[in-house]
N, C-alpha and C. Protein backbone atom coordinates (compact mmCIF):
# COMPACT_ATOMS: atom_id res chain seq x y z
N UNK A 1 -25.20 19.62 44.74
CA UNK A 1 -23.83 20.08 44.64
C UNK A 1 -22.91 18.97 44.16
N UNK A 2 -23.17 17.74 44.67
CA UNK A 2 -22.35 16.61 44.27
C UNK A 2 -22.49 16.35 42.77
N UNK A 3 -23.68 16.54 42.23
CA UNK A 3 -23.91 16.31 40.82
C UNK A 3 -23.11 17.30 39.98
N UNK A 4 -23.05 18.56 40.39
CA UNK A 4 -22.28 19.57 39.65
C UNK A 4 -20.81 19.19 39.61
N UNK A 5 -20.25 18.77 40.75
CA UNK A 5 -18.84 18.37 40.79
C UNK A 5 -18.61 17.13 39.93
N UNK A 6 -19.54 16.20 40.03
CA UNK A 6 -19.42 14.99 39.22
C UNK A 6 -19.42 15.33 37.73
N UNK A 7 -20.35 16.19 37.30
CA UNK A 7 -20.41 16.58 35.89
C UNK A 7 -19.17 17.35 35.46
N UNK A 8 -18.68 18.23 36.31
CA UNK A 8 -17.47 18.99 36.01
C UNK A 8 -16.28 18.05 35.82
N UNK A 9 -16.11 17.12 36.73
CA UNK A 9 -15.00 16.16 36.63
C UNK A 9 -15.20 15.27 35.41
N UNK A 10 -16.42 14.81 35.16
CA UNK A 10 -16.71 13.94 34.03
C UNK A 10 -16.36 14.62 32.70
N UNK A 11 -16.82 15.85 32.51
CA UNK A 11 -16.56 16.55 31.25
C UNK A 11 -15.08 16.92 31.10
N UNK A 12 -14.41 17.20 32.19
CA UNK A 12 -12.98 17.48 32.15
C UNK A 12 -12.22 16.23 31.71
N UNK A 13 -12.59 15.09 32.24
CA UNK A 13 -11.93 13.84 31.86
C UNK A 13 -12.20 13.48 30.41
N UNK A 14 -13.42 13.65 29.97
CA UNK A 14 -13.77 13.33 28.58
C UNK A 14 -13.01 14.24 27.62
N UNK A 15 -12.96 15.51 27.92
CA UNK A 15 -12.25 16.46 27.08
C UNK A 15 -10.76 16.15 27.06
N UNK A 16 -10.20 15.79 28.19
CA UNK A 16 -8.78 15.48 28.29
C UNK A 16 -8.42 14.17 27.63
N UNK A 17 -9.37 13.27 27.43
CA UNK A 17 -9.11 11.96 26.83
C UNK A 17 -9.39 11.93 25.34
N UNK A 18 -9.84 13.02 24.77
CA UNK A 18 -10.12 13.00 23.34
C UNK A 18 -8.81 12.81 22.56
N UNK A 19 -8.91 12.12 21.45
CA UNK A 19 -7.74 11.79 20.64
C UNK A 19 -7.34 12.98 19.79
N UNK A 20 -6.10 13.31 19.84
CA UNK A 20 -5.56 14.38 19.01
C UNK A 20 -5.46 13.88 17.58
N UNK A 21 -5.97 14.63 16.65
CA UNK A 21 -5.90 14.26 15.24
C UNK A 21 -5.34 15.43 14.45
N UNK A 22 -4.47 15.10 13.52
CA UNK A 22 -3.93 16.10 12.60
C UNK A 22 -4.47 15.77 11.22
N UNK A 23 -5.31 16.64 10.69
CA UNK A 23 -5.91 16.39 9.38
C UNK A 23 -5.93 17.68 8.58
N UNK A 24 -5.93 17.63 7.31
CA UNK A 24 -5.76 16.45 6.47
C UNK A 24 -4.28 16.06 6.38
N UNK A 25 -4.04 14.82 5.99
CA UNK A 25 -2.69 14.30 5.79
C UNK A 25 -2.64 13.65 4.42
N UNK A 26 -1.59 13.92 3.66
CA UNK A 26 -1.39 13.30 2.36
C UNK A 26 -0.18 12.37 2.47
N UNK A 27 -0.41 11.06 2.46
CA UNK A 27 0.64 10.07 2.62
C UNK A 27 1.28 9.66 1.29
N UNK A 28 0.82 10.22 0.19
CA UNK A 28 1.23 9.73 -1.13
C UNK A 28 2.71 9.94 -1.41
N UNK A 29 3.23 9.04 -2.21
CA UNK A 29 4.58 9.18 -2.76
C UNK A 29 4.40 9.71 -4.17
N UNK A 30 5.13 10.75 -4.55
CA UNK A 30 4.94 11.31 -5.89
C UNK A 30 5.39 10.37 -7.00
N UNK A 31 6.34 9.48 -6.71
CA UNK A 31 6.87 8.56 -7.71
C UNK A 31 6.88 7.15 -7.15
N UNK A 32 6.72 6.18 -8.03
CA UNK A 32 6.84 4.79 -7.59
C UNK A 32 8.29 4.48 -7.27
N UNK A 33 8.50 3.48 -6.47
CA UNK A 33 9.85 2.99 -6.18
C UNK A 33 9.99 1.62 -6.85
N UNK A 34 11.07 1.44 -7.58
CA UNK A 34 11.39 0.15 -8.19
C UNK A 34 12.53 -0.42 -7.37
N UNK A 35 12.24 -1.50 -6.64
CA UNK A 35 13.18 -2.01 -5.64
C UNK A 35 13.65 -3.41 -5.99
N UNK A 36 14.96 -3.59 -5.97
CA UNK A 36 15.56 -4.90 -6.25
C UNK A 36 15.50 -5.75 -4.98
N UNK A 37 15.10 -7.00 -5.15
CA UNK A 37 14.97 -7.93 -4.03
C UNK A 37 16.33 -8.57 -3.76
N UNK A 38 16.79 -8.53 -2.49
CA UNK A 38 18.07 -9.16 -2.16
C UNK A 38 17.90 -10.65 -1.91
N UNK A 39 19.00 -11.34 -1.61
CA UNK A 39 19.00 -12.79 -1.45
C UNK A 39 18.10 -13.26 -0.30
N UNK A 40 17.92 -12.43 0.70
CA UNK A 40 17.07 -12.78 1.84
C UNK A 40 15.59 -12.43 1.63
N UNK A 41 15.29 -11.78 0.50
CA UNK A 41 13.91 -11.42 0.20
C UNK A 41 13.52 -10.02 0.63
N UNK A 42 14.51 -9.20 1.01
CA UNK A 42 14.22 -7.84 1.46
C UNK A 42 14.35 -6.83 0.33
N UNK A 43 13.54 -5.79 0.40
CA UNK A 43 13.70 -4.60 -0.43
C UNK A 43 13.83 -3.41 0.51
N UNK A 44 14.55 -2.39 0.05
CA UNK A 44 14.79 -1.23 0.90
C UNK A 44 14.70 0.03 0.05
N UNK A 45 13.98 1.01 0.59
CA UNK A 45 13.85 2.32 -0.05
C UNK A 45 14.26 3.37 0.96
N UNK A 46 15.47 3.91 0.80
CA UNK A 46 15.99 4.90 1.74
C UNK A 46 15.22 6.21 1.70
N UNK A 47 14.76 6.61 0.53
CA UNK A 47 14.05 7.88 0.38
C UNK A 47 12.83 7.95 1.29
N UNK A 48 12.12 6.82 1.46
CA UNK A 48 10.92 6.79 2.28
C UNK A 48 11.10 6.01 3.58
N UNK A 49 12.33 5.66 3.91
CA UNK A 49 12.65 4.90 5.12
C UNK A 49 11.79 3.63 5.22
N UNK A 50 11.85 2.83 4.18
CA UNK A 50 11.05 1.62 4.11
C UNK A 50 11.96 0.43 3.85
N UNK A 51 11.79 -0.61 4.64
CA UNK A 51 12.48 -1.88 4.41
C UNK A 51 11.49 -2.98 4.76
N UNK A 52 11.30 -3.93 3.83
CA UNK A 52 10.37 -5.01 4.08
C UNK A 52 10.79 -6.28 3.37
N UNK A 53 10.32 -7.39 3.90
CA UNK A 53 10.60 -8.69 3.31
C UNK A 53 9.41 -9.06 2.44
N UNK A 54 9.67 -9.42 1.18
CA UNK A 54 8.59 -9.71 0.23
C UNK A 54 8.50 -11.19 -0.14
N UNK A 55 9.18 -12.06 0.60
CA UNK A 55 9.13 -13.49 0.29
C UNK A 55 7.70 -14.03 0.30
N UNK A 56 6.92 -13.66 1.30
CA UNK A 56 5.54 -14.15 1.39
C UNK A 56 4.68 -13.63 0.24
N UNK A 57 4.95 -12.43 -0.21
CA UNK A 57 4.23 -11.86 -1.34
C UNK A 57 4.55 -12.65 -2.61
N UNK A 58 5.83 -12.94 -2.83
CA UNK A 58 6.22 -13.71 -4.01
C UNK A 58 5.66 -15.13 -3.94
N UNK A 59 5.62 -15.72 -2.77
CA UNK A 59 5.04 -17.06 -2.61
C UNK A 59 3.54 -17.03 -2.90
N UNK A 60 2.87 -15.98 -2.49
CA UNK A 60 1.44 -15.82 -2.76
C UNK A 60 1.18 -15.73 -4.26
N UNK A 61 2.03 -15.01 -4.96
CA UNK A 61 1.82 -14.77 -6.40
C UNK A 61 2.32 -15.93 -7.26
N UNK A 62 3.49 -16.48 -6.93
CA UNK A 62 4.11 -17.47 -7.81
C UNK A 62 4.18 -18.88 -7.23
N UNK A 63 3.97 -19.05 -5.94
CA UNK A 63 4.14 -20.35 -5.30
C UNK A 63 5.42 -20.35 -4.48
N UNK A 64 5.61 -21.39 -3.69
CA UNK A 64 6.72 -21.44 -2.74
C UNK A 64 8.09 -21.55 -3.38
N UNK A 65 8.22 -22.19 -4.53
CA UNK A 65 9.53 -22.43 -5.13
C UNK A 65 9.94 -21.28 -6.04
N UNK A 66 9.85 -20.08 -5.56
CA UNK A 66 10.14 -18.90 -6.37
C UNK A 66 11.61 -18.51 -6.24
N UNK A 67 12.24 -18.30 -7.38
CA UNK A 67 13.61 -17.79 -7.40
C UNK A 67 13.53 -16.27 -7.31
N UNK A 68 14.05 -15.71 -6.22
CA UNK A 68 13.90 -14.27 -6.00
C UNK A 68 15.08 -13.46 -6.53
N UNK A 69 16.17 -14.12 -6.87
CA UNK A 69 17.37 -13.42 -7.28
C UNK A 69 17.13 -12.59 -8.54
N UNK A 70 17.45 -11.31 -8.46
CA UNK A 70 17.35 -10.41 -9.60
C UNK A 70 15.97 -9.83 -9.85
N UNK A 71 14.97 -10.26 -9.11
CA UNK A 71 13.62 -9.73 -9.30
C UNK A 71 13.50 -8.34 -8.67
N UNK A 72 12.56 -7.57 -9.17
CA UNK A 72 12.25 -6.26 -8.59
C UNK A 72 10.76 -6.19 -8.32
N UNK A 73 10.39 -5.32 -7.41
CA UNK A 73 8.97 -5.01 -7.19
C UNK A 73 8.78 -3.52 -7.43
N UNK A 74 7.55 -3.16 -7.72
CA UNK A 74 7.17 -1.77 -7.90
C UNK A 74 6.18 -1.45 -6.79
N UNK A 75 6.43 -0.33 -6.13
CA UNK A 75 5.61 0.05 -4.98
C UNK A 75 5.35 1.55 -5.01
N UNK A 76 4.13 1.91 -4.68
CA UNK A 76 3.76 3.33 -4.58
C UNK A 76 2.74 3.42 -3.46
N UNK A 77 2.62 4.60 -2.88
CA UNK A 77 1.69 4.82 -1.77
C UNK A 77 0.72 5.93 -2.15
N UNK A 78 -0.58 5.70 -1.92
CA UNK A 78 -1.55 6.73 -2.27
C UNK A 78 -1.76 7.70 -1.11
N UNK A 79 -2.61 8.68 -1.32
CA UNK A 79 -2.81 9.74 -0.32
C UNK A 79 -3.42 9.22 0.97
N UNK A 80 -4.10 8.07 0.93
CA UNK A 80 -4.67 7.47 2.13
C UNK A 80 -3.67 6.64 2.91
N UNK A 81 -2.48 6.44 2.35
CA UNK A 81 -1.46 5.65 3.03
C UNK A 81 -1.45 4.18 2.66
N UNK A 82 -2.23 3.79 1.64
CA UNK A 82 -2.25 2.41 1.17
C UNK A 82 -1.06 2.19 0.23
N UNK A 83 -0.34 1.08 0.45
CA UNK A 83 0.77 0.70 -0.42
C UNK A 83 0.24 -0.17 -1.56
N UNK A 84 0.58 0.14 -2.80
CA UNK A 84 0.22 -0.64 -3.98
C UNK A 84 1.50 -1.30 -4.46
N UNK A 85 1.47 -2.65 -4.60
CA UNK A 85 2.68 -3.39 -4.97
C UNK A 85 2.36 -4.36 -6.09
N UNK A 86 3.24 -4.39 -7.09
CA UNK A 86 3.15 -5.37 -8.17
C UNK A 86 4.55 -5.58 -8.73
N UNK A 87 4.64 -6.43 -9.75
CA UNK A 87 5.93 -6.71 -10.36
C UNK A 87 5.70 -7.36 -11.71
N UNK A 88 6.75 -7.45 -12.47
CA UNK A 88 6.71 -8.17 -13.74
C UNK A 88 6.33 -9.63 -13.47
N UNK A 89 5.40 -10.13 -14.26
CA UNK A 89 4.92 -11.51 -14.07
C UNK A 89 3.74 -11.63 -13.13
N UNK A 90 3.48 -10.63 -12.31
CA UNK A 90 2.34 -10.66 -11.40
C UNK A 90 1.04 -10.57 -12.21
N UNK A 91 0.02 -11.25 -11.71
CA UNK A 91 -1.33 -11.12 -12.26
C UNK A 91 -2.14 -10.13 -11.44
N UNK A 92 -1.64 -9.80 -10.26
CA UNK A 92 -2.38 -8.99 -9.29
C UNK A 92 -1.60 -7.76 -8.86
N UNK A 93 -2.36 -6.81 -8.35
CA UNK A 93 -1.79 -5.70 -7.59
C UNK A 93 -2.25 -5.92 -6.16
N UNK A 94 -1.31 -5.82 -5.22
CA UNK A 94 -1.60 -6.04 -3.81
C UNK A 94 -1.64 -4.69 -3.10
N UNK A 95 -2.68 -4.49 -2.30
CA UNK A 95 -2.83 -3.27 -1.52
C UNK A 95 -2.62 -3.63 -0.05
N UNK A 96 -1.75 -2.87 0.61
CA UNK A 96 -1.41 -3.14 2.00
C UNK A 96 -1.65 -1.90 2.86
N UNK A 97 -2.15 -2.16 4.08
CA UNK A 97 -2.26 -1.13 5.12
C UNK A 97 -1.05 -1.23 6.02
N UNK A 98 -0.58 -0.09 6.49
CA UNK A 98 0.51 -0.08 7.46
C UNK A 98 -0.07 -0.28 8.85
N UNK A 99 0.52 -1.22 9.57
CA UNK A 99 0.15 -1.46 10.95
C UNK A 99 1.41 -1.40 11.79
N UNK A 100 1.30 -1.63 13.05
CA UNK A 100 2.44 -1.57 13.95
C UNK A 100 3.43 -2.69 13.62
N UNK A 101 4.51 -2.35 12.95
CA UNK A 101 5.57 -3.30 12.64
C UNK A 101 5.31 -4.19 11.45
N UNK A 102 4.24 -3.97 10.69
CA UNK A 102 4.01 -4.81 9.52
C UNK A 102 3.08 -4.12 8.52
N UNK A 103 2.99 -4.73 7.35
CA UNK A 103 1.99 -4.34 6.36
C UNK A 103 1.01 -5.49 6.27
N UNK A 104 -0.28 -5.20 6.33
CA UNK A 104 -1.29 -6.25 6.24
C UNK A 104 -2.09 -6.08 4.94
N UNK A 105 -2.42 -7.21 4.33
CA UNK A 105 -3.13 -7.19 3.06
C UNK A 105 -4.50 -6.54 3.23
N UNK A 106 -4.73 -5.52 2.44
CA UNK A 106 -6.02 -4.84 2.41
C UNK A 106 -6.89 -5.40 1.29
N UNK A 107 -6.27 -5.60 0.12
CA UNK A 107 -7.02 -6.09 -1.04
C UNK A 107 -6.04 -6.64 -2.06
N UNK A 108 -6.48 -7.66 -2.78
CA UNK A 108 -5.73 -8.26 -3.89
C UNK A 108 -6.58 -8.05 -5.14
N UNK A 109 -6.02 -7.36 -6.15
CA UNK A 109 -6.79 -6.99 -7.33
C UNK A 109 -6.21 -7.68 -8.56
N UNK A 110 -7.00 -8.53 -9.21
CA UNK A 110 -6.59 -9.18 -10.45
C UNK A 110 -6.59 -8.15 -11.57
N UNK A 111 -5.44 -7.96 -12.23
CA UNK A 111 -5.34 -6.97 -13.30
C UNK A 111 -4.96 -7.58 -14.64
N UNK A 112 -4.38 -8.81 -14.64
CA UNK A 112 -3.95 -9.43 -15.89
C UNK A 112 -3.94 -10.94 -15.74
N UNK A 113 -4.73 -11.63 -16.55
CA UNK A 113 -4.76 -13.09 -16.52
C UNK A 113 -3.43 -13.70 -16.98
N UNK A 114 -2.73 -13.02 -17.89
CA UNK A 114 -1.47 -13.53 -18.44
C UNK A 114 -0.27 -13.15 -17.60
N UNK A 115 -0.39 -12.17 -16.77
CA UNK A 115 0.74 -11.64 -16.01
C UNK A 115 1.26 -10.37 -16.66
N UNK A 116 1.69 -9.45 -15.85
CA UNK A 116 2.17 -8.16 -16.34
C UNK A 116 3.56 -8.31 -16.95
N UNK A 117 3.83 -7.56 -18.01
CA UNK A 117 5.11 -7.65 -18.71
C UNK A 117 6.10 -6.58 -18.26
N UNK A 118 5.66 -5.34 -18.26
CA UNK A 118 6.52 -4.21 -17.90
C UNK A 118 5.68 -3.14 -17.19
N UNK A 119 5.18 -3.46 -16.00
CA UNK A 119 4.24 -2.54 -15.34
C UNK A 119 4.94 -1.34 -14.70
N UNK A 120 4.19 -0.26 -14.58
CA UNK A 120 4.64 0.88 -13.77
C UNK A 120 3.42 1.61 -13.25
N UNK A 121 3.62 2.30 -12.11
CA UNK A 121 2.56 3.06 -11.45
C UNK A 121 2.75 4.54 -11.70
N UNK A 122 1.63 5.25 -11.78
CA UNK A 122 1.62 6.71 -11.78
C UNK A 122 0.71 7.18 -10.65
N UNK A 123 1.11 8.22 -9.96
CA UNK A 123 0.29 8.83 -8.91
C UNK A 123 -0.64 9.85 -9.57
N UNK A 124 -1.91 9.72 -9.32
CA UNK A 124 -2.91 10.67 -9.81
C UNK A 124 -3.62 11.26 -8.60
N UNK A 125 -4.37 12.34 -8.79
CA UNK A 125 -5.03 13.01 -7.67
C UNK A 125 -5.91 12.08 -6.85
N UNK A 126 -6.77 11.34 -7.51
CA UNK A 126 -7.74 10.54 -6.77
C UNK A 126 -7.52 9.04 -6.88
N UNK A 127 -6.45 8.62 -7.54
CA UNK A 127 -6.24 7.20 -7.75
C UNK A 127 -4.79 6.91 -8.12
N UNK A 128 -4.49 5.63 -8.24
CA UNK A 128 -3.21 5.16 -8.74
C UNK A 128 -3.45 4.58 -10.12
N UNK A 129 -2.60 4.93 -11.07
CA UNK A 129 -2.72 4.41 -12.42
C UNK A 129 -1.66 3.34 -12.63
N UNK A 130 -2.07 2.17 -13.09
CA UNK A 130 -1.15 1.10 -13.46
C UNK A 130 -1.14 1.01 -14.97
N UNK A 131 0.06 1.06 -15.55
CA UNK A 131 0.22 0.97 -17.00
C UNK A 131 1.13 -0.21 -17.30
N UNK A 132 0.73 -1.01 -18.30
CA UNK A 132 1.53 -2.14 -18.76
C UNK A 132 1.27 -2.30 -20.25
N UNK A 133 2.13 -1.72 -21.08
CA UNK A 133 1.90 -1.73 -22.52
C UNK A 133 0.61 -1.01 -22.85
N UNK A 134 -0.32 -1.70 -23.50
CA UNK A 134 -1.61 -1.11 -23.86
C UNK A 134 -2.62 -1.13 -22.72
N UNK A 135 -2.30 -1.85 -21.65
CA UNK A 135 -3.20 -1.94 -20.50
C UNK A 135 -3.04 -0.72 -19.61
N UNK A 136 -4.17 -0.09 -19.29
CA UNK A 136 -4.18 1.02 -18.34
C UNK A 136 -5.32 0.77 -17.37
N UNK A 137 -4.97 0.70 -16.07
CA UNK A 137 -5.95 0.40 -15.04
C UNK A 137 -5.89 1.50 -13.98
N UNK A 138 -7.05 2.04 -13.62
CA UNK A 138 -7.14 3.03 -12.57
C UNK A 138 -7.55 2.31 -11.30
N UNK A 139 -6.78 2.50 -10.23
CA UNK A 139 -6.98 1.77 -8.98
C UNK A 139 -7.29 2.72 -7.82
N UNK A 140 -8.19 2.26 -6.96
CA UNK A 140 -8.48 2.97 -5.71
C UNK A 140 -8.26 2.00 -4.56
N UNK A 141 -8.53 2.43 -3.35
CA UNK A 141 -8.41 1.56 -2.18
C UNK A 141 -9.33 0.35 -2.27
N UNK A 142 -10.41 0.46 -3.04
CA UNK A 142 -11.40 -0.61 -3.12
C UNK A 142 -11.31 -1.46 -4.37
N UNK A 143 -10.46 -1.10 -5.33
CA UNK A 143 -10.33 -1.92 -6.52
C UNK A 143 -10.17 -1.08 -7.77
N UNK A 144 -10.63 -1.67 -8.88
CA UNK A 144 -10.49 -1.03 -10.20
C UNK A 144 -11.60 0.00 -10.36
N UNK A 145 -11.22 1.18 -10.87
CA UNK A 145 -12.17 2.24 -11.16
C UNK A 145 -12.53 2.13 -12.63
N UNK A 146 -13.80 1.96 -12.93
CA UNK A 146 -14.23 1.87 -14.32
C UNK A 146 -13.75 0.58 -14.98
N UNK A 147 -13.55 0.65 -16.30
CA UNK A 147 -13.11 -0.51 -17.08
C UNK A 147 -11.61 -0.45 -17.34
N UNK A 148 -11.01 -1.61 -17.51
CA UNK A 148 -9.61 -1.68 -17.94
C UNK A 148 -9.54 -1.19 -19.36
N UNK A 149 -8.48 -0.49 -19.68
CA UNK A 149 -8.32 0.02 -21.07
C UNK A 149 -7.16 -0.69 -21.71
């Protein structure tokens, strides 16, 4: 009898402790955001309720003595919730995961040895497309899909 009560209580607790999940979820932004960097290194996007400091990102890409005044970044989010960030002059696209109170680097993808001139992102069904003049790169959470065009 004790075993039956134990099993009943055990299964009730396990069932009650299961994590609630809502799926599927599409986190993608239909359009990229082009955000101007302020004097303190912050960018803000009211449409998506996003505000972040990009000083460390600029230091990673250009070095510590970076003049941030007047620069912009381009940011888009894919359906998995990964943020893709780049800018004019960047050689890389940075992928970030959202965590509690911060974005953490998921992957850094080299896309141009010379640096991008006029990049922009497009949202596609299964990937993010980066276009810069004649350069077209298809990006996923894990890197470049196929060959650069």
